[in-house]
Protein backbone atom coordinates (compact mmCIF):
# COMPACT_ATOMS: atom_id res chain seq x y z
CA MET A 1 0.54 -29.81 5.42
CA SER A 2 3.81 -28.82 6.65
CA ASP A 3 5.27 -28.69 2.97
CA LEU A 4 3.10 -25.58 2.45
CA VAL A 5 5.74 -23.96 4.84
CA GLY A 6 7.81 -21.60 2.84
CA LYS A 7 5.93 -22.17 -0.49
CA ARG A 8 5.61 -19.18 -2.73
CA VAL A 9 1.71 -18.62 -3.78
CA LEU A 10 -0.04 -16.11 -5.69
CA VAL A 11 -3.78 -15.56 -5.37
CA THR A 12 -5.41 -13.35 -7.85
CA GLY A 13 -8.64 -12.06 -6.49
CA GLY A 14 -7.17 -12.66 -2.93
CA GLY A 15 -8.07 -9.40 -0.96
CA THR A 16 -11.79 -10.22 -0.30
CA GLY A 17 -14.20 -13.23 -0.16
CA ILE A 18 -13.34 -16.47 -0.93
CA GLY A 19 -9.95 -15.63 -2.30
CA ALA A 20 -9.08 -13.84 1.04
CA ALA A 21 -10.04 -16.72 2.86
CA MET A 22 -7.80 -19.24 0.76
CA ALA A 23 -5.12 -16.68 1.34
CA ARG A 24 -5.60 -16.32 5.18
CA ALA A 25 -5.36 -20.30 5.25
CA LEU A 26 -2.26 -20.55 3.29
CA SER A 27 -0.54 -18.09 5.23
CA ALA A 28 -1.48 -19.78 8.25
CA ALA A 29 -0.18 -23.10 7.07
CA GLY A 30 3.16 -21.41 6.63
CA ALA A 31 3.10 -20.26 2.68
CA ARG A 32 4.05 -17.14 2.00
CA ALA A 33 1.39 -15.40 -0.38
CA ALA A 34 1.31 -12.63 -2.74
CA VAL A 35 -2.35 -11.07 -2.99
CA GLN A 36 -3.59 -9.62 -6.09
CA TYR A 37 -6.14 -7.06 -6.00
CA HIS A 38 -8.06 -4.70 -8.46
CA SER A 39 -10.48 -2.08 -6.97
CA GLY A 40 -9.98 -3.81 -3.28
CA LYS A 41 -6.43 -1.77 -2.10
CA ALA A 42 -7.80 -1.20 1.35
CA ALA A 43 -8.95 -5.05 1.77
CA ALA A 44 -5.97 -6.27 0.33
CA GLU A 45 -3.63 -4.14 2.40
CA ALA A 46 -5.52 -4.64 5.41
CA LEU A 47 -4.89 -8.65 4.84
CA VAL A 48 -1.55 -8.18 4.64
CA ALA A 49 -1.03 -6.22 7.57
CA GLU A 50 -3.05 -9.21 9.20
CA GLN A 51 -1.08 -11.97 7.79
CA GLY A 52 2.42 -10.16 8.15
CA ALA A 53 4.48 -12.21 5.50
CA ALA A 54 1.90 -11.48 2.60
CA PHE A 55 2.53 -9.26 -0.13
CA ALA A 56 -0.36 -7.02 -1.58
CA LEU A 57 -0.40 -6.58 -5.63
CA GLY A 58 -2.68 -4.29 -7.45
CA ALA A 59 -3.56 -5.26 -11.33
CA ASP A 60 -6.49 -5.33 -13.69
CA LEU A 61 -6.53 -8.85 -14.62
CA THR A 62 -9.04 -7.79 -18.00
CA ALA A 63 -5.96 -5.49 -19.41
CA SER A 64 -3.97 -6.82 -21.72
CA GLY A 65 -0.16 -7.64 -20.39
CA ALA A 66 -1.75 -7.45 -16.99
CA ALA A 67 -0.79 -10.96 -15.97
CA ASP A 68 2.56 -11.07 -16.88
CA GLY A 69 3.07 -7.83 -14.96
CA LEU A 70 1.46 -9.54 -11.91
CA VAL A 71 3.25 -12.72 -11.94
CA LYS A 72 6.64 -10.76 -12.43
CA ALA A 73 5.86 -8.89 -9.66
CA ALA A 74 4.82 -11.70 -7.61
CA VAL A 75 8.11 -13.58 -8.43
CA ALA A 76 10.25 -10.61 -7.49
CA ALA A 77 8.37 -10.15 -3.99
CA LEU A 78 8.71 -13.93 -2.98
CA GLY A 79 11.76 -15.37 -4.87
CA GLY A 80 9.76 -17.71 -7.05
CA LEU A 81 6.56 -19.03 -7.40
CA ASP A 82 5.42 -22.36 -6.09
CA ILE A 83 1.29 -22.33 -6.51
CA LEU A 84 -0.78 -20.31 -8.41
CA VAL A 85 -4.36 -20.15 -7.05
CA ASN A 86 -6.82 -18.52 -10.04
CA ASN A 87 -9.92 -16.92 -7.90
CA ALA A 88 -10.39 -13.59 -9.80
CA GLY A 89 -13.66 -13.63 -11.57
CA GLY A 90 -17.28 -12.33 -11.12
CA MET A 91 -20.62 -12.27 -13.00
CA VAL A 92 -20.02 -8.68 -13.78
CA ALA A 93 -24.15 -8.67 -14.27
CA ARG A 94 -27.20 -10.60 -14.71
CA LYS A 95 -28.39 -9.79 -18.12
CA PRO A 96 -31.03 -12.14 -19.88
CA LEU A 97 -30.02 -13.67 -23.61
CA ALA A 98 -32.12 -10.71 -25.08
CA GLU A 99 -29.78 -7.97 -23.76
CA ILE A 100 -26.44 -9.73 -24.03
CA ASP A 101 -23.85 -8.02 -26.75
CA ASP A 102 -20.37 -8.52 -27.81
CA ALA A 103 -18.85 -6.45 -25.24
CA PHE A 104 -20.70 -7.66 -22.38
CA ILE A 105 -19.35 -11.16 -23.50
CA ASP A 106 -15.61 -9.81 -23.29
CA ALA A 107 -16.37 -8.47 -20.04
CA VAL A 108 -17.13 -11.57 -18.61
CA PHE A 109 -14.75 -13.83 -20.45
CA ASP A 110 -11.67 -11.22 -19.83
CA LEU A 111 -12.59 -11.22 -16.08
CA ASN A 112 -12.97 -14.90 -15.81
CA VAL A 113 -11.43 -17.05 -18.88
CA ARG A 114 -8.92 -14.97 -20.41
CA SER A 115 -7.34 -13.84 -16.76
CA THR A 116 -6.94 -17.41 -15.69
CA VAL A 117 -5.34 -18.60 -19.19
CA HIS A 118 -3.07 -15.41 -18.93
CA CYS A 119 -2.01 -16.09 -15.20
CA CYS A 120 -1.26 -19.75 -15.99
CA ARG A 121 0.74 -19.02 -19.11
CA ALA A 122 2.79 -16.58 -17.27
CA ALA A 123 3.47 -18.63 -13.81
CA LEU A 124 3.99 -21.75 -16.42
CA PRO A 125 7.80 -20.95 -16.46
CA HIS A 126 8.41 -20.39 -12.52
CA LEU A 127 6.07 -23.43 -11.67
CA LYS A 128 8.39 -25.59 -13.84
CA LEU A 129 11.39 -24.31 -11.93
CA SER A 130 9.53 -25.31 -8.62
CA GLY A 131 9.87 -28.81 -9.39
CA LYS A 132 6.50 -29.70 -7.72
CA GLY A 133 4.29 -26.73 -8.74
CA ALA A 134 0.36 -26.73 -8.19
CA ILE A 135 -2.30 -24.82 -10.19
CA VAL A 136 -5.79 -24.23 -8.35
CA ASN A 137 -8.39 -22.54 -10.24
CA VAL A 138 -11.70 -21.44 -9.02
CA SER A 139 -15.05 -22.65 -10.93
CA SER A 140 -18.36 -22.81 -10.01
CA VAL A 141 -21.35 -24.86 -9.14
CA SER A 142 -23.26 -23.13 -12.27
CA ALA A 143 -20.62 -25.12 -14.64
CA ILE A 144 -22.57 -27.97 -14.34
CA THR A 145 -25.92 -26.57 -13.05
CA GLY A 146 -25.50 -23.74 -15.64
CA GLY A 147 -26.93 -21.31 -13.14
CA SER A 148 -29.90 -19.12 -12.60
CA PRO A 149 -31.46 -16.82 -14.91
CA GLY A 150 -29.33 -14.18 -16.38
CA SER A 151 -25.90 -15.57 -15.89
CA SER A 152 -25.57 -17.73 -19.00
CA ILE A 153 -22.48 -16.30 -19.61
CA TYR A 154 -20.80 -16.45 -16.49
CA SER A 155 -22.06 -19.85 -16.10
CA GLY A 156 -20.80 -20.97 -19.76
CA ALA A 157 -17.14 -19.34 -18.42
CA LYS A 158 -17.08 -21.39 -15.51
CA GLY A 159 -17.70 -24.38 -17.51
CA PHE A 160 -14.16 -23.25 -19.56
CA ILE A 161 -12.47 -23.11 -16.58
CA SER A 162 -13.05 -26.60 -15.41
CA THR A 163 -12.79 -28.07 -19.04
CA PHE A 164 -9.21 -25.80 -19.20
CA THR A 165 -8.41 -27.46 -15.66
CA ARG A 166 -8.51 -31.00 -17.03
CA SER A 167 -7.01 -30.16 -20.07
CA LEU A 168 -4.26 -28.54 -18.53
CA ALA A 169 -3.80 -30.97 -16.23
CA ARG A 170 -2.83 -33.48 -18.83
CA GLU A 171 -0.89 -30.88 -20.47
CA LEU A 172 1.54 -30.11 -17.47
CA ALA A 173 1.52 -33.57 -15.75
CA PRO A 174 5.11 -33.92 -17.34
CA ASP A 175 6.65 -31.11 -16.41
CA GLY A 176 5.32 -32.30 -12.33
CA ILE A 177 2.62 -29.38 -12.29
CA ARG A 178 -1.01 -30.64 -10.59
CA VAL A 179 -3.76 -28.41 -12.11
CA ASN A 180 -6.97 -28.70 -9.78
CA ALA A 181 -9.98 -26.57 -9.32
CA VAL A 182 -12.36 -26.01 -6.38
CA SER A 183 -16.21 -25.41 -7.55
CA PRO A 184 -17.76 -23.57 -4.89
CA GLY A 185 -21.69 -23.37 -4.32
CA THR A 186 -24.00 -20.40 -3.02
CA ILE A 187 -21.18 -19.22 -0.89
CA HIS A 188 -22.54 -15.61 1.26
CA THR A 189 -19.97 -13.27 0.05
CA ASP A 190 -20.21 -9.95 -1.70
CA PHE A 191 -20.80 -11.87 -4.98
CA HIS A 192 -24.18 -12.78 -4.05
CA VAL A 193 -24.99 -9.50 -2.33
CA ARG A 194 -24.58 -7.75 -5.60
CA HIS A 195 -25.94 -10.37 -7.86
CA SER A 196 -28.94 -12.23 -5.81
CA THR A 197 -31.93 -11.09 -3.63
CA PRO A 198 -32.41 -12.00 -0.10
CA GLU A 199 -35.55 -13.88 -1.24
CA LYS A 200 -33.38 -15.75 -3.96
CA LEU A 201 -30.77 -16.64 -1.32
CA GLU A 202 -33.19 -18.02 1.34
CA ALA A 203 -34.97 -20.17 -1.24
CA THR A 204 -31.65 -21.65 -2.32
CA ARG A 205 -30.56 -22.08 1.34
CA LYS A 206 -33.71 -24.59 1.54
CA THR A 207 -32.88 -26.74 -1.05
CA ILE A 208 -29.29 -27.12 0.26
CA PRO A 209 -28.91 -30.56 2.22
CA GLN A 210 -26.95 -28.94 5.14
CA GLN A 211 -29.40 -26.23 5.08
CA ARG A 212 -26.97 -22.82 4.94
CA LEU A 213 -25.12 -20.99 2.72
CA GLY A 214 -21.75 -21.56 2.38
CA THR A 215 -19.18 -19.48 3.86
CA ALA A 216 -15.76 -18.17 2.10
CA GLU A 217 -14.00 -20.26 4.67
CA ASP A 218 -15.70 -23.42 3.80
CA CYS A 219 -13.51 -23.30 0.54
CA ALA A 220 -10.09 -22.88 2.04
CA GLY A 221 -9.47 -26.36 3.18
CA THR A 222 -9.98 -27.63 -0.08
CA VAL A 223 -7.38 -25.13 -1.62
CA LEU A 224 -5.12 -26.34 1.34
CA TYR A 225 -5.77 -29.78 0.26
CA LEU A 226 -5.02 -29.01 -3.51
CA ALA A 227 -1.87 -26.80 -2.96
CA SER A 228 -0.50 -30.02 -0.79
CA GLU A 229 1.85 -32.35 -2.48
CA ASN A 230 1.75 -34.17 0.82
CA LEU A 231 -1.76 -34.54 0.82
CA SER A 232 -2.80 -34.34 -3.01
CA GLY A 233 0.31 -35.54 -4.70
CA TYR A 234 -1.64 -38.09 -6.71
CA VAL A 235 -4.68 -35.76 -7.23
CA THR A 236 -4.63 -33.70 -10.62
CA GLY A 237 -7.55 -32.52 -13.33
CA GLN A 238 -10.18 -32.79 -10.61
CA VAL A 239 -12.93 -30.27 -9.97
CA ILE A 240 -13.88 -30.56 -6.28
CA GLU A 241 -17.46 -29.37 -5.61
CA VAL A 242 -17.87 -27.46 -2.24
CA ASN A 243 -21.66 -26.93 -1.61
CA GLY A 244 -23.15 -28.46 1.10
CA GLY A 245 -24.99 -30.99 -0.96
CA GLN A 246 -26.10 -28.69 -3.29
CA LEU A 247 -24.69 -30.51 -6.16
CA MET A 248 -23.81 -34.12 -6.19
CA VAL A 249 -22.17 -35.64 -9.00
């Protein structure tokens, strides 16, 4: 992965969890990372201090125009942009169908869908200038399985991310930009602390062939692979499942 040395990377939702693990791995490989955070300023700044060459950038990606401002700030800090990692997202809450209203749909889609589309659009001119740019989106195993009860809107949003990844890969290939996605299974981060009970997580663990829940670091290697032109230069439009065998397709 020597080709990642000096690469300019923006990781959204990069202050904690899977995003932080991705930012650490990219920095360790020699990339210069800008890490976007929303509410987790302290964690993002701690990550920056730990990595040394990174930048922490605060932004609420559900707000109108925030993606444009974020990309502009990242380009100013890094001197350009070669790789975009769209990790920002979340379930917001578990809600059964009877309790879903327009405000909830908007909240989930603003966080998971619109933020990704807007960041890709804002980053596009800079990735074109890079010559061999890369976009790595973060989907979810629930994009295929549909998730568990109460996660229908989130699962649908992640299904959009997987399909959007494939569509964008075709569109941007002539510009030398590869577009792929990482699709984590059940990863033991704050996401599941908020949205899953210990009993539910234990029941899920028992169904996984590797007999353990994933860690944030389990997802980092796939991002390194997809970001590296040397390793994955002929890979685009792929959604790579990282789930310990929880789902095999």
